[in-house]
Protein backbone atom coordinates (compact mmCIF):
# COMPACT_ATOMS: atom_id res chain seq x y z
CA UNK A 1 8.90 93.10 -107.79
CA UNK A 2 9.64 96.77 -107.36
CA UNK A 3 13.21 97.53 -106.38
CA UNK A 4 14.05 98.16 -102.72
CA UNK A 5 17.39 99.00 -101.12
CA UNK A 6 19.39 96.63 -98.95
CA UNK A 7 18.89 99.12 -96.11
CA UNK A 8 15.11 98.84 -96.49
CA UNK A 9 15.32 95.04 -96.57
CA UNK A 10 17.30 95.09 -93.31
CA UNK A 11 14.68 97.33 -91.70
CA UNK A 12 11.82 95.08 -92.83
CA UNK A 13 13.67 91.96 -91.69
CA UNK A 14 14.59 93.62 -88.38
CA UNK A 15 18.18 92.63 -89.02
CA UNK A 16 21.64 94.17 -88.96
CA UNK A 17 23.29 95.09 -92.25
CA UNK A 18 26.97 94.53 -92.87
CA UNK A 19 28.74 95.46 -96.08
CA UNK A 20 29.96 98.25 -98.25
CA UNK A 21 26.87 98.69 -100.41
CA UNK A 22 23.79 99.15 -98.18
CA UNK A 23 22.02 101.20 -100.85
CA UNK A 24 22.28 98.56 -103.57
CA UNK A 25 18.91 97.68 -105.05
CA UNK A 26 17.11 94.36 -104.61
CA UNK A 27 14.93 93.38 -107.55
CA UNK A 28 14.20 89.70 -106.82
CA UNK A 29 14.25 87.19 -103.96
CA UNK A 30 15.34 83.56 -104.11
CA UNK A 31 16.34 80.70 -101.82
CA UNK A 32 18.14 78.84 -104.63
CA UNK A 33 21.67 80.03 -105.47
CA UNK A 34 21.27 78.51 -108.95
CA UNK A 35 18.44 80.95 -109.67
CA UNK A 36 20.24 84.08 -108.52
CA UNK A 37 20.37 86.91 -111.04
CA UNK A 38 21.82 90.40 -110.82
CA UNK A 39 20.08 92.26 -108.00
CA UNK A 40 18.79 89.20 -106.14
CA UNK A 41 18.39 88.89 -102.40
CA UNK A 42 19.61 85.39 -101.55
CA UNK A 43 17.85 83.96 -98.48
CA UNK A 44 20.04 81.32 -96.87
CA UNK A 45 17.82 78.59 -95.43
CA UNK A 46 18.99 75.51 -93.58
CA UNK A 47 17.38 72.36 -94.98
CA UNK A 48 17.55 68.66 -94.23
CA UNK A 49 20.02 67.93 -97.02
CA UNK A 50 21.71 71.27 -97.75
CA UNK A 51 22.34 74.57 -96.00
CA UNK A 52 21.94 77.78 -97.96
CA UNK A 53 24.68 79.38 -95.90
CA UNK A 54 27.16 77.22 -97.79
CA UNK A 55 26.14 78.88 -101.07
CA UNK A 56 26.29 82.59 -100.18
CA UNK A 57 29.59 83.10 -101.99
CA UNK A 58 28.20 81.34 -105.07
CA UNK A 59 25.14 83.62 -104.92
CA UNK A 60 27.33 86.72 -104.83
CA UNK A 61 29.37 85.46 -107.77
CA UNK A 62 26.09 85.13 -109.70
CA UNK A 63 25.12 88.75 -109.04
CA UNK A 64 23.21 88.77 -105.75
CA UNK A 65 23.18 92.21 -104.12
CA UNK A 66 22.66 90.87 -100.61
CA UNK A 67 22.17 87.72 -98.57
CA UNK A 68 19.84 87.20 -95.63
CA UNK A 69 21.75 84.97 -93.20
CA UNK A 70 21.54 83.59 -89.69
CA UNK A 71 23.63 85.19 -86.96
CA UNK A 72 24.99 81.69 -86.20
CA UNK A 73 26.75 81.65 -89.59
CA UNK A 74 27.50 85.35 -90.01
CA UNK A 75 31.12 85.32 -88.82
CA UNK A 76 32.36 82.58 -91.17
CA UNK A 77 30.45 84.02 -94.14
CA UNK A 78 31.67 87.57 -93.50
CA UNK A 79 35.27 86.36 -93.51
CA UNK A 80 34.79 84.81 -96.94
CA UNK A 81 33.07 87.73 -98.69
CA UNK A 82 34.79 90.83 -97.28
CA UNK A 83 36.30 91.75 -100.66
CA UNK A 84 33.05 91.36 -102.61
CA UNK A 85 31.41 94.67 -101.70
CA UNK A 86 28.11 92.94 -100.98
CA UNK A 87 25.65 93.30 -98.14
CA UNK A 88 24.96 90.70 -95.47
CA UNK A 89 21.72 91.10 -93.56
CA UNK A 90 22.07 89.33 -90.22
CA UNK A 91 18.95 87.94 -88.51
CA UNK A 92 18.18 85.27 -85.93
CA UNK A 93 16.32 83.07 -88.42
CA UNK A 94 16.21 83.83 -92.17
CA UNK A 95 12.83 82.16 -92.81
CA UNK A 96 11.13 84.04 -89.98
CA UNK A 97 12.74 87.24 -91.21
CA UNK A 98 11.55 86.60 -94.78
CA UNK A 99 8.02 86.05 -93.50
CA UNK A 100 8.26 89.24 -91.43
CA UNK A 101 9.37 91.18 -94.52
CA UNK A 102 6.47 89.77 -96.52
CA UNK A 103 3.90 90.67 -93.88
CA UNK A 104 5.17 94.25 -93.77
CA UNK A 105 5.15 94.45 -97.57
CA UNK A 106 1.52 93.29 -97.69
CA UNK A 107 0.53 95.70 -94.91
CA UNK A 108 2.01 98.58 -96.90
CA UNK A 109 -0.39 97.76 -99.78
CA UNK A 110 -3.62 97.61 -97.81
CA UNK A 111 -5.81 98.59 -100.78
CA UNK A 112 -5.03 95.38 -102.68
CA UNK A 113 -7.97 92.95 -102.86
CA UNK A 114 -6.79 89.66 -101.39
CA UNK A 115 -7.65 86.19 -102.75
CA UNK A 116 -6.27 82.92 -101.31
CA UNK A 117 -6.52 79.43 -102.82
CA UNK A 118 -5.77 76.08 -101.23
CA UNK A 119 -6.65 72.46 -101.94
CA UNK A 120 -5.14 69.03 -102.49
CA UNK A 121 -4.96 69.67 -106.23
CA UNK A 122 -6.07 72.35 -108.68
CA UNK A 123 -4.55 75.32 -106.82
CA UNK A 124 -2.32 76.52 -109.62
CA UNK A 125 -4.90 76.18 -112.39
CA UNK A 126 -7.58 77.91 -110.30
CA UNK A 127 -5.13 80.69 -109.44
CA UNK A 128 -4.27 81.18 -113.10
CA UNK A 129 -7.96 81.30 -114.09
CA UNK A 130 -8.89 83.73 -111.32
CA UNK A 131 -5.94 85.96 -112.20
CA UNK A 132 -6.81 85.82 -115.89
CA UNK A 133 -10.29 87.21 -115.18
CA UNK A 134 -9.26 89.76 -112.55
CA UNK A 135 -6.55 91.08 -114.86
CA UNK A 136 -9.42 92.39 -116.98
CA UNK A 137 -10.48 94.52 -113.99
CA UNK A 138 -7.08 95.78 -112.85
CA UNK A 139 -3.43 94.94 -112.38
CA UNK A 140 -3.22 91.52 -110.73
CA UNK A 141 -0.32 89.96 -108.84
CA UNK A 142 -0.24 86.19 -108.55
CA UNK A 143 1.85 83.30 -107.32
CA UNK A 144 4.71 82.72 -109.77
CA UNK A 145 4.65 79.03 -110.67
CA UNK A 146 3.62 77.15 -107.55
CA UNK A 147 5.45 79.12 -104.85
CA UNK A 148 2.70 78.32 -102.38
CA UNK A 149 4.31 77.16 -99.11
CA UNK A 150 5.37 79.04 -96.00
CA UNK A 151 8.59 79.66 -97.93
CA UNK A 152 7.06 80.30 -101.35
CA UNK A 153 4.22 82.59 -100.26
CA UNK A 154 6.43 85.28 -98.65
CA UNK A 155 8.50 85.41 -101.85
CA UNK A 156 5.33 85.52 -103.98
CA UNK A 157 3.72 88.51 -102.28
CA UNK A 158 6.57 90.74 -103.41
CA UNK A 159 4.89 90.53 -106.82
CA UNK A 160 2.56 93.20 -105.37
CA UNK A 161 3.54 96.67 -106.58
CA UNK A 162 2.22 100.18 -106.00
CA UNK A 163 -0.42 99.94 -108.74
CA UNK A 164 -1.60 96.39 -107.99
CA UNK A 165 -5.37 96.06 -107.58
CA UNK A 166 -5.70 92.31 -106.88
CA UNK A 167 -3.48 89.65 -105.35
CA UNK A 168 -4.19 85.98 -106.10
CA UNK A 169 -1.97 83.63 -104.14
CA UNK A 170 -1.86 79.89 -103.57
CA UNK A 171 -1.57 78.74 -99.98
CA UNK A 172 -0.57 75.09 -100.00
CA UNK A 173 0.02 73.14 -96.79
CA UNK A 174 1.74 69.83 -96.17
CA UNK A 175 2.15 69.96 -92.39
CA UNK A 176 0.16 71.17 -89.40
CA UNK A 177 0.67 74.82 -88.48
CA UNK A 178 1.78 75.96 -91.93
CA UNK A 179 -1.51 77.70 -92.74
CA UNK A 180 -1.30 79.74 -89.52
CA UNK A 181 2.08 81.13 -90.56
CA UNK A 182 0.83 81.97 -94.04
CA UNK A 183 -2.26 83.72 -92.70
CA UNK A 184 0.13 85.95 -90.77
CA UNK A 185 1.37 87.13 -94.16
CA UNK A 186 -1.68 86.93 -96.43
CA UNK A 187 -5.17 87.00 -94.92
CA UNK A 188 -7.56 86.74 -97.87
CA UNK A 189 -10.87 88.51 -98.19
CA UNK A 190 -12.07 85.81 -100.58
CA UNK A 191 -10.83 82.22 -100.41
CA UNK A 192 -11.25 78.93 -102.26
CA UNK A 193 -10.72 75.34 -101.20
CA UNK A 194 -10.58 73.47 -104.51
CA UNK A 195 -10.85 70.04 -102.88
CA UNK A 196 -9.64 67.94 -99.96
CA UNK A 197 -7.93 64.68 -100.83
CA UNK A 198 -5.17 62.32 -99.77
CA UNK A 199 -2.28 64.55 -100.85
CA UNK A 200 0.31 64.84 -98.02
CA UNK A 201 -1.60 62.42 -95.78
CA UNK A 202 1.78 60.83 -95.06
CA UNK A 203 2.84 64.02 -93.26
CA UNK A 204 -0.55 65.08 -91.93
CA UNK A 205 -1.74 61.71 -90.62
CA UNK A 206 -5.40 61.68 -91.66
CA UNK A 207 -7.94 63.25 -94.00
CA UNK A 208 -9.57 65.02 -91.07
CA UNK A 209 -6.29 66.67 -90.12
CA UNK A 210 -5.86 67.75 -93.76
CA UNK A 211 -9.38 69.22 -93.81
CA UNK A 212 -8.85 71.00 -90.50
CA UNK A 213 -5.54 72.54 -91.59
CA UNK A 214 -6.72 73.65 -95.04
CA UNK A 215 -9.97 75.04 -93.67
CA UNK A 216 -8.03 77.53 -91.53
CA UNK A 217 -8.01 79.56 -94.75
CA UNK A 218 -11.68 80.31 -93.97
CA UNK A 219 -10.75 82.62 -91.10
CA UNK A 220 -13.35 84.44 -89.01
CA UNK A 221 -12.99 87.76 -90.90
CA UNK A 222 -13.39 86.30 -94.40
CA UNK A 223 -15.88 87.96 -96.76
CA UNK A 224 -16.53 84.98 -99.04
CA UNK A 225 -15.41 81.35 -98.68
CA UNK A 226 -15.91 78.95 -101.60
CA UNK A 227 -15.76 75.16 -101.65
CA UNK A 228 -16.74 72.62 -104.32
CA UNK A 229 -20.46 71.90 -104.27
CA UNK A 230 -19.89 68.14 -103.97
CA UNK A 231 -17.30 68.28 -101.20
CA UNK A 232 -17.78 65.67 -98.48
CA UNK A 233 -16.09 68.05 -96.03
CA UNK A 234 -18.49 71.01 -96.18
CA UNK A 235 -20.41 70.06 -93.02
CA UNK A 236 -17.21 69.40 -91.09
CA UNK A 237 -15.70 72.73 -92.13
CA UNK A 238 -18.91 74.54 -91.32
CA UNK A 239 -18.76 73.07 -87.82
CA UNK A 240 -15.07 73.59 -87.01
CA UNK A 241 -14.82 77.05 -88.59
CA UNK A 242 -18.29 78.31 -87.67
CA UNK A 243 -18.74 79.50 -91.23
CA UNK A 244 -21.15 78.64 -94.05
CA UNK A 245 -19.02 78.10 -97.17
CA UNK A 246 -20.48 79.02 -100.54
CA UNK A 247 -20.62 76.19 -103.11
CA UNK A 248 -19.09 76.53 -106.55
CA UNK A 249 -19.79 74.17 -109.42
CA UNK A 250 -22.25 73.39 -112.18
CA UNK A 251 -25.16 74.07 -109.82
CA UNK A 252 -23.51 76.33 -107.26
CA UNK A 253 -21.90 78.94 -109.51
CA UNK A 254 -24.43 81.64 -110.23
CA UNK A 255 -25.20 82.29 -113.90
CA UNK A 256 -24.06 78.90 -115.28
CA UNK A 257 -26.84 77.58 -117.51
CA UNK A 258 -25.21 74.60 -119.19
CA UNK A 259 -22.02 72.66 -119.83
CA UNK A 260 -20.93 70.87 -123.00
CA UNK A 261 -17.79 68.77 -123.42
CA UNK A 262 -15.72 69.59 -126.49
CA UNK A 263 -13.39 66.62 -126.01
CA UNK A 264 -9.74 67.57 -126.38
CA UNK A 265 -10.84 71.11 -127.26
CA UNK A 266 -12.08 71.67 -123.71
CA UNK A 267 -15.53 72.81 -122.60
CA UNK A 268 -18.32 75.14 -123.61
CA UNK A 269 -19.79 76.90 -120.59
CA UNK A 270 -23.13 78.61 -121.14
CA UNK A 271 -22.93 81.58 -118.80
CA UNK A 272 -25.69 84.19 -118.65
CA UNK A 273 -26.70 83.28 -122.22
CA UNK A 274 -23.16 83.70 -123.46
CA UNK A 275 -20.90 80.79 -124.51
CA UNK A 276 -17.43 80.58 -122.99
CA UNK A 277 -14.87 78.33 -124.67
CA UNK A 278 -12.63 76.96 -121.93
CA UNK A 279 -9.48 75.49 -123.46
CA UNK A 280 -8.74 72.98 -120.72
CA UNK A 281 -9.64 69.30 -120.57
CA UNK A 282 -11.10 67.22 -117.76
CA UNK A 283 -13.83 67.86 -115.23
CA UNK A 284 -11.25 69.04 -112.69
CA UNK A 285 -10.34 71.98 -114.93
CA UNK A 286 -14.01 72.73 -115.51
CA UNK A 287 -14.51 72.90 -111.73
CA UNK A 288 -11.50 75.21 -111.42
CA UNK A 289 -13.08 77.52 -114.00
CA UNK A 290 -16.38 77.56 -112.12
CA UNK A 291 -14.51 78.46 -108.94
CA UNK A 292 -12.85 81.31 -110.82
CA UNK A 293 -16.21 82.60 -112.02
CA UNK A 294 -17.57 82.54 -108.47
CA UNK A 295 -14.57 84.48 -107.15
CA UNK A 296 -14.71 87.03 -109.96
CA UNK A 297 -18.41 87.66 -109.30
CA UNK A 298 -17.64 88.74 -105.72
CA UNK A 299 -15.49 91.55 -107.13
CA UNK A 300 -18.13 92.69 -109.59
CA UNK A 301 -16.60 91.26 -112.77
CA UNK A 302 -18.87 91.82 -115.75
CA UNK A 303 -20.08 89.18 -118.18
CA UNK A 304 -17.60 90.42 -120.78
CA UNK A 305 -14.67 90.38 -118.34
CA UNK A 306 -15.43 86.82 -117.23
CA UNK A 307 -15.74 85.62 -120.83
CA UNK A 308 -12.55 87.40 -121.88
CA UNK A 309 -10.59 86.18 -118.87
CA UNK A 310 -11.50 82.52 -119.22
CA UNK A 311 -11.15 82.43 -122.99
CA UNK A 312 -7.64 83.88 -122.73
CA UNK A 313 -6.59 81.18 -120.27
CA UNK A 314 -4.26 78.48 -121.56
CA UNK A 315 -3.33 75.30 -119.70
CA UNK A 316 -0.21 75.34 -117.58
CA UNK A 317 2.52 72.90 -118.70
CA UNK A 318 2.19 69.58 -116.91
CA UNK A 319 -1.38 70.25 -115.80
CA UNK A 320 -3.72 68.53 -118.27
CA UNK A 321 -2.22 70.30 -121.26
CA UNK A 322 -2.69 68.78 -124.72
CA UNK A 323 0.40 68.25 -126.89
CA UNK A 324 -0.65 67.59 -130.49
CA UNK A 325 1.39 65.47 -132.89
CA UNK A 326 1.34 62.09 -134.56
CA UNK A 327 0.82 60.86 -131.00
CA UNK A 328 -1.44 63.08 -128.87
CA UNK A 329 -0.26 63.54 -125.29
CA UNK A 330 -2.21 64.68 -122.25
CA UNK A 331 0.53 66.23 -120.09
CA UNK A 332 -0.60 65.81 -116.50
CA UNK A 333 2.79 65.10 -115.01
CA UNK A 334 3.09 67.91 -112.50
CA UNK A 335 1.54 65.99 -109.60
CA UNK A 336 -0.76 63.11 -108.75
CA UNK A 337 -3.22 62.07 -106.09
CA UNK A 338 -6.01 59.51 -106.04
CA UNK A 339 -8.58 62.19 -106.76
CA UNK A 340 -6.74 63.88 -109.63
CA UNK A 341 -5.72 60.55 -111.17
CA UNK A 342 -9.25 59.17 -110.97
CA UNK A 343 -10.68 62.33 -112.54
CA UNK A 344 -8.36 62.35 -115.54
CA UNK A 345 -8.83 58.58 -116.03
CA UNK A 346 -12.61 59.04 -116.06
CA UNK A 347 -12.11 61.69 -118.71
CA UNK A 348 -9.85 59.42 -120.76
CA UNK A 349 -12.38 56.59 -120.58
CA UNK A 350 -15.29 58.71 -121.76
CA UNK A 351 -13.41 60.58 -124.49
CA UNK A 352 -14.32 59.61 -128.08
CA UNK A 353 -11.10 58.58 -129.83
CA UNK A 354 -10.43 56.74 -133.08
CA UNK A 355 -7.04 55.35 -132.03
CA UNK A 356 -5.75 53.60 -128.96
CA UNK A 357 -5.77 55.08 -125.46
CA UNK A 358 -2.68 54.54 -123.30
CA UNK A 359 -2.11 55.60 -119.70
CA UNK A 360 1.41 55.98 -118.28
CA UNK A 361 1.16 56.43 -114.53
CA UNK A 362 3.99 57.19 -112.13
CA UNK A 363 3.84 56.62 -108.38
CA UNK A 364 1.82 58.86 -106.10
CA UNK A 365 4.06 60.12 -103.29
CA UNK A 366 3.61 61.38 -99.70
CA UNK A 367 0.68 59.06 -98.90
CA UNK A 368 2.23 57.33 -95.89
CA UNK A 369 0.26 54.35 -94.60
CA UNK A 370 -2.40 55.01 -97.26
CA UNK A 371 0.05 54.33 -100.11
CA UNK A 372 -0.88 50.73 -100.93
CA UNK A 373 -4.63 51.26 -100.70
CA UNK A 374 -4.43 54.44 -102.79
CA UNK A 375 -2.59 52.67 -105.60
CA UNK A 376 -5.05 49.78 -105.46
CA UNK A 377 -7.85 52.32 -105.90
CA UNK A 378 -6.12 53.58 -109.03
CA UNK A 379 -5.92 50.00 -110.31
CA UNK A 380 -9.67 49.57 -109.94
CA UNK A 381 -10.26 52.88 -111.68
CA UNK A 382 -8.05 51.75 -114.56
CA UNK A 383 -10.12 48.60 -114.97
CA UNK A 384 -13.32 50.64 -115.15
CA UNK A 385 -11.96 52.99 -117.82
CA UNK A 386 -11.36 50.39 -120.52
CA UNK A 387 -8.06 51.77 -121.80
CA UNK A 388 -6.06 49.81 -124.35
CA UNK A 389 -2.72 49.66 -122.51
CA UNK A 390 -1.47 50.73 -119.11
CA UNK A 391 2.13 51.43 -118.07
CA UNK A 392 2.89 51.64 -114.34
CA UNK A 393 6.16 53.17 -113.16
CA UNK A 394 7.65 53.36 -109.66
CA UNK A 395 7.84 51.05 -106.68
CA UNK A 396 4.58 52.33 -105.19
CA UNK A 397 2.76 51.41 -108.41
CA UNK A 398 3.56 47.76 -107.75
CA UNK A 399 0.45 47.70 -105.52
CA UNK A 400 -1.67 48.74 -108.51
CA UNK A 401 -0.03 46.13 -110.71
CA UNK A 402 -0.61 43.36 -108.17
CA UNK A 403 -4.23 44.44 -107.76
CA UNK A 404 -4.78 44.26 -111.51
CA UNK A 405 -3.20 40.80 -111.55
CA UNK A 406 -5.43 39.71 -108.70
CA UNK A 407 -8.49 40.83 -110.62
CA UNK A 408 -7.28 39.08 -113.78
CA UNK A 409 -6.76 42.18 -115.92
CA UNK A 410 -2.98 42.34 -116.30
CA UNK A 411 -2.60 41.26 -119.94
CA UNK A 412 -2.26 44.84 -121.21
CA UNK A 413 -0.38 46.16 -118.18
CA UNK A 414 3.38 46.80 -117.97
CA UNK A 415 5.08 47.54 -114.66
CA UNK A 416 8.64 48.66 -113.93
CA UNK A 417 10.63 50.65 -111.41
CA UNK A 418 13.29 51.41 -114.02
CA UNK A 419 12.82 54.58 -116.08
CA UNK A 420 15.00 53.35 -118.94
CA UNK A 421 12.88 50.19 -119.21
CA UNK A 422 9.73 52.32 -119.28
CA UNK A 423 11.10 54.61 -121.96
CA UNK A 424 12.21 51.69 -124.14
CA UNK A 425 8.80 50.04 -123.80
CA UNK A 426 7.02 53.26 -124.77
CA UNK A 427 9.22 53.65 -127.87
CA UNK A 428 8.43 50.06 -128.77
CA UNK A 429 4.67 50.16 -128.15
CA UNK A 430 3.46 53.67 -129.01
CA UNK A 431 2.05 54.19 -132.50
CA UNK A 432 0.83 57.04 -134.64
CA UNK A 433 -2.75 57.95 -133.73
CA UNK A 434 -2.44 56.96 -130.06
CA UNK A 435 -3.66 59.11 -127.18
CA UNK A 436 -1.23 58.94 -124.25
CA UNK A 437 -1.80 60.20 -120.71
CA UNK A 438 1.31 61.03 -118.65
CA UNK A 439 0.50 61.30 -114.95
CA UNK A 440 2.56 61.01 -111.77
CA UNK A 441 3.84 62.76 -108.70
CA UNK A 442 6.42 65.46 -109.31
CA UNK A 443 9.24 63.27 -108.01
CA UNK A 444 8.66 60.79 -110.84
CA UNK A 445 9.61 63.36 -113.52
CA UNK A 446 7.17 61.93 -116.06
CA UNK A 447 7.84 64.89 -118.37
CA UNK A 448 10.96 63.06 -119.52
CA UNK A 449 8.69 61.00 -121.76
CA UNK A 450 7.19 63.99 -123.61
CA UNK A 451 10.00 64.42 -126.17
CA UNK A 452 10.36 60.66 -126.46
CA UNK A 453 6.71 60.12 -127.36
CA UNK A 454 6.50 63.30 -129.45
CA UNK A 455 9.30 62.01 -131.68
CA UNK A 456 7.28 58.95 -132.73
CA UNK A 457 6.17 59.37 -136.36
């Protein structure tokens, strides 16, 4: 982000500034005191388990120039930091103030072309692909990592600078009302819903509520709204939003003439008589690329720019990335839902491979009352894929294990809720030449197995 003074931050936040250095420069924003660097603005948020106001002093010790704090905590914090020569910016509510700052920052860059992406999975990959293409047209700001919530988005939009031409930001929701607050900050001209699945159904309550909340992204002033051509929710969204979404996909994306799987090397997309080598595996990544093409076309991207942008894309760690070695790993550990798990398992099952195929699946979280049925669905998908061995990890995966037992296919299935037991079993069972899928919700930290499996000779 471009530097701004503490005084300017206070004006944007509509807060009161206290401190000896109001003209110090802010060069980054964070809510995590462990990620503070010199020049950071530390935003103190009150959470369920911790309160950021307890870490303001730590943030200043790490180099923060200022802290955005609630007036309810200002007195006790001020007493502790008076000798630090730092700025406190006092507001009623730090999150609301951060969102207010972000909205003003976006409004001051009205010439930036705005793209928004939501969906139950695929947001980050689609964002990266769209940004990769649009970067060929002009300077492009994008969501860093997956900062895509009502907290992450207002931090992300400060990536926009004076010479930015395009902004590509994820807008993820896990509770009702979150999309409304994000639209108050970033109202896209072009938007994509990658898919609508069971992710966060535990918080949202039903698939229809999920579809209704995500589809708010297709606001009444949108120029182009894209949704997957095979989405079961297109008619519903058309009705509740009074909008006719444009389909993206093998048929829906204009100019796509053919698709060829290249196995672990990705896909060949025949686009306007030109081959594009997409270095990303699985049909889900192919669909993300087709969404990116559709978005880029609305901004007049040329054939050459689309080819260059997609061919320069490389998979994001933890999102269907291939790790080569004596054992080949498909890293898909960043998150998991029924849809994303089923898609990558279909890919595994159809992939030509000389060695064994192993799937290591961690629990899928935040599914609420749908948890048991969702994991049973995964069990049935596993049976259809014909993999050599399956390893299930996490208490929620017990439902999948029991379903496989019930169907009489548990001979090559290992289940545990103990990570150490899983790791030991993988060391024991994995052999040179194997193909191993690592998949699970973020909370399961399946990436711990990457160095373990990679070390097998």
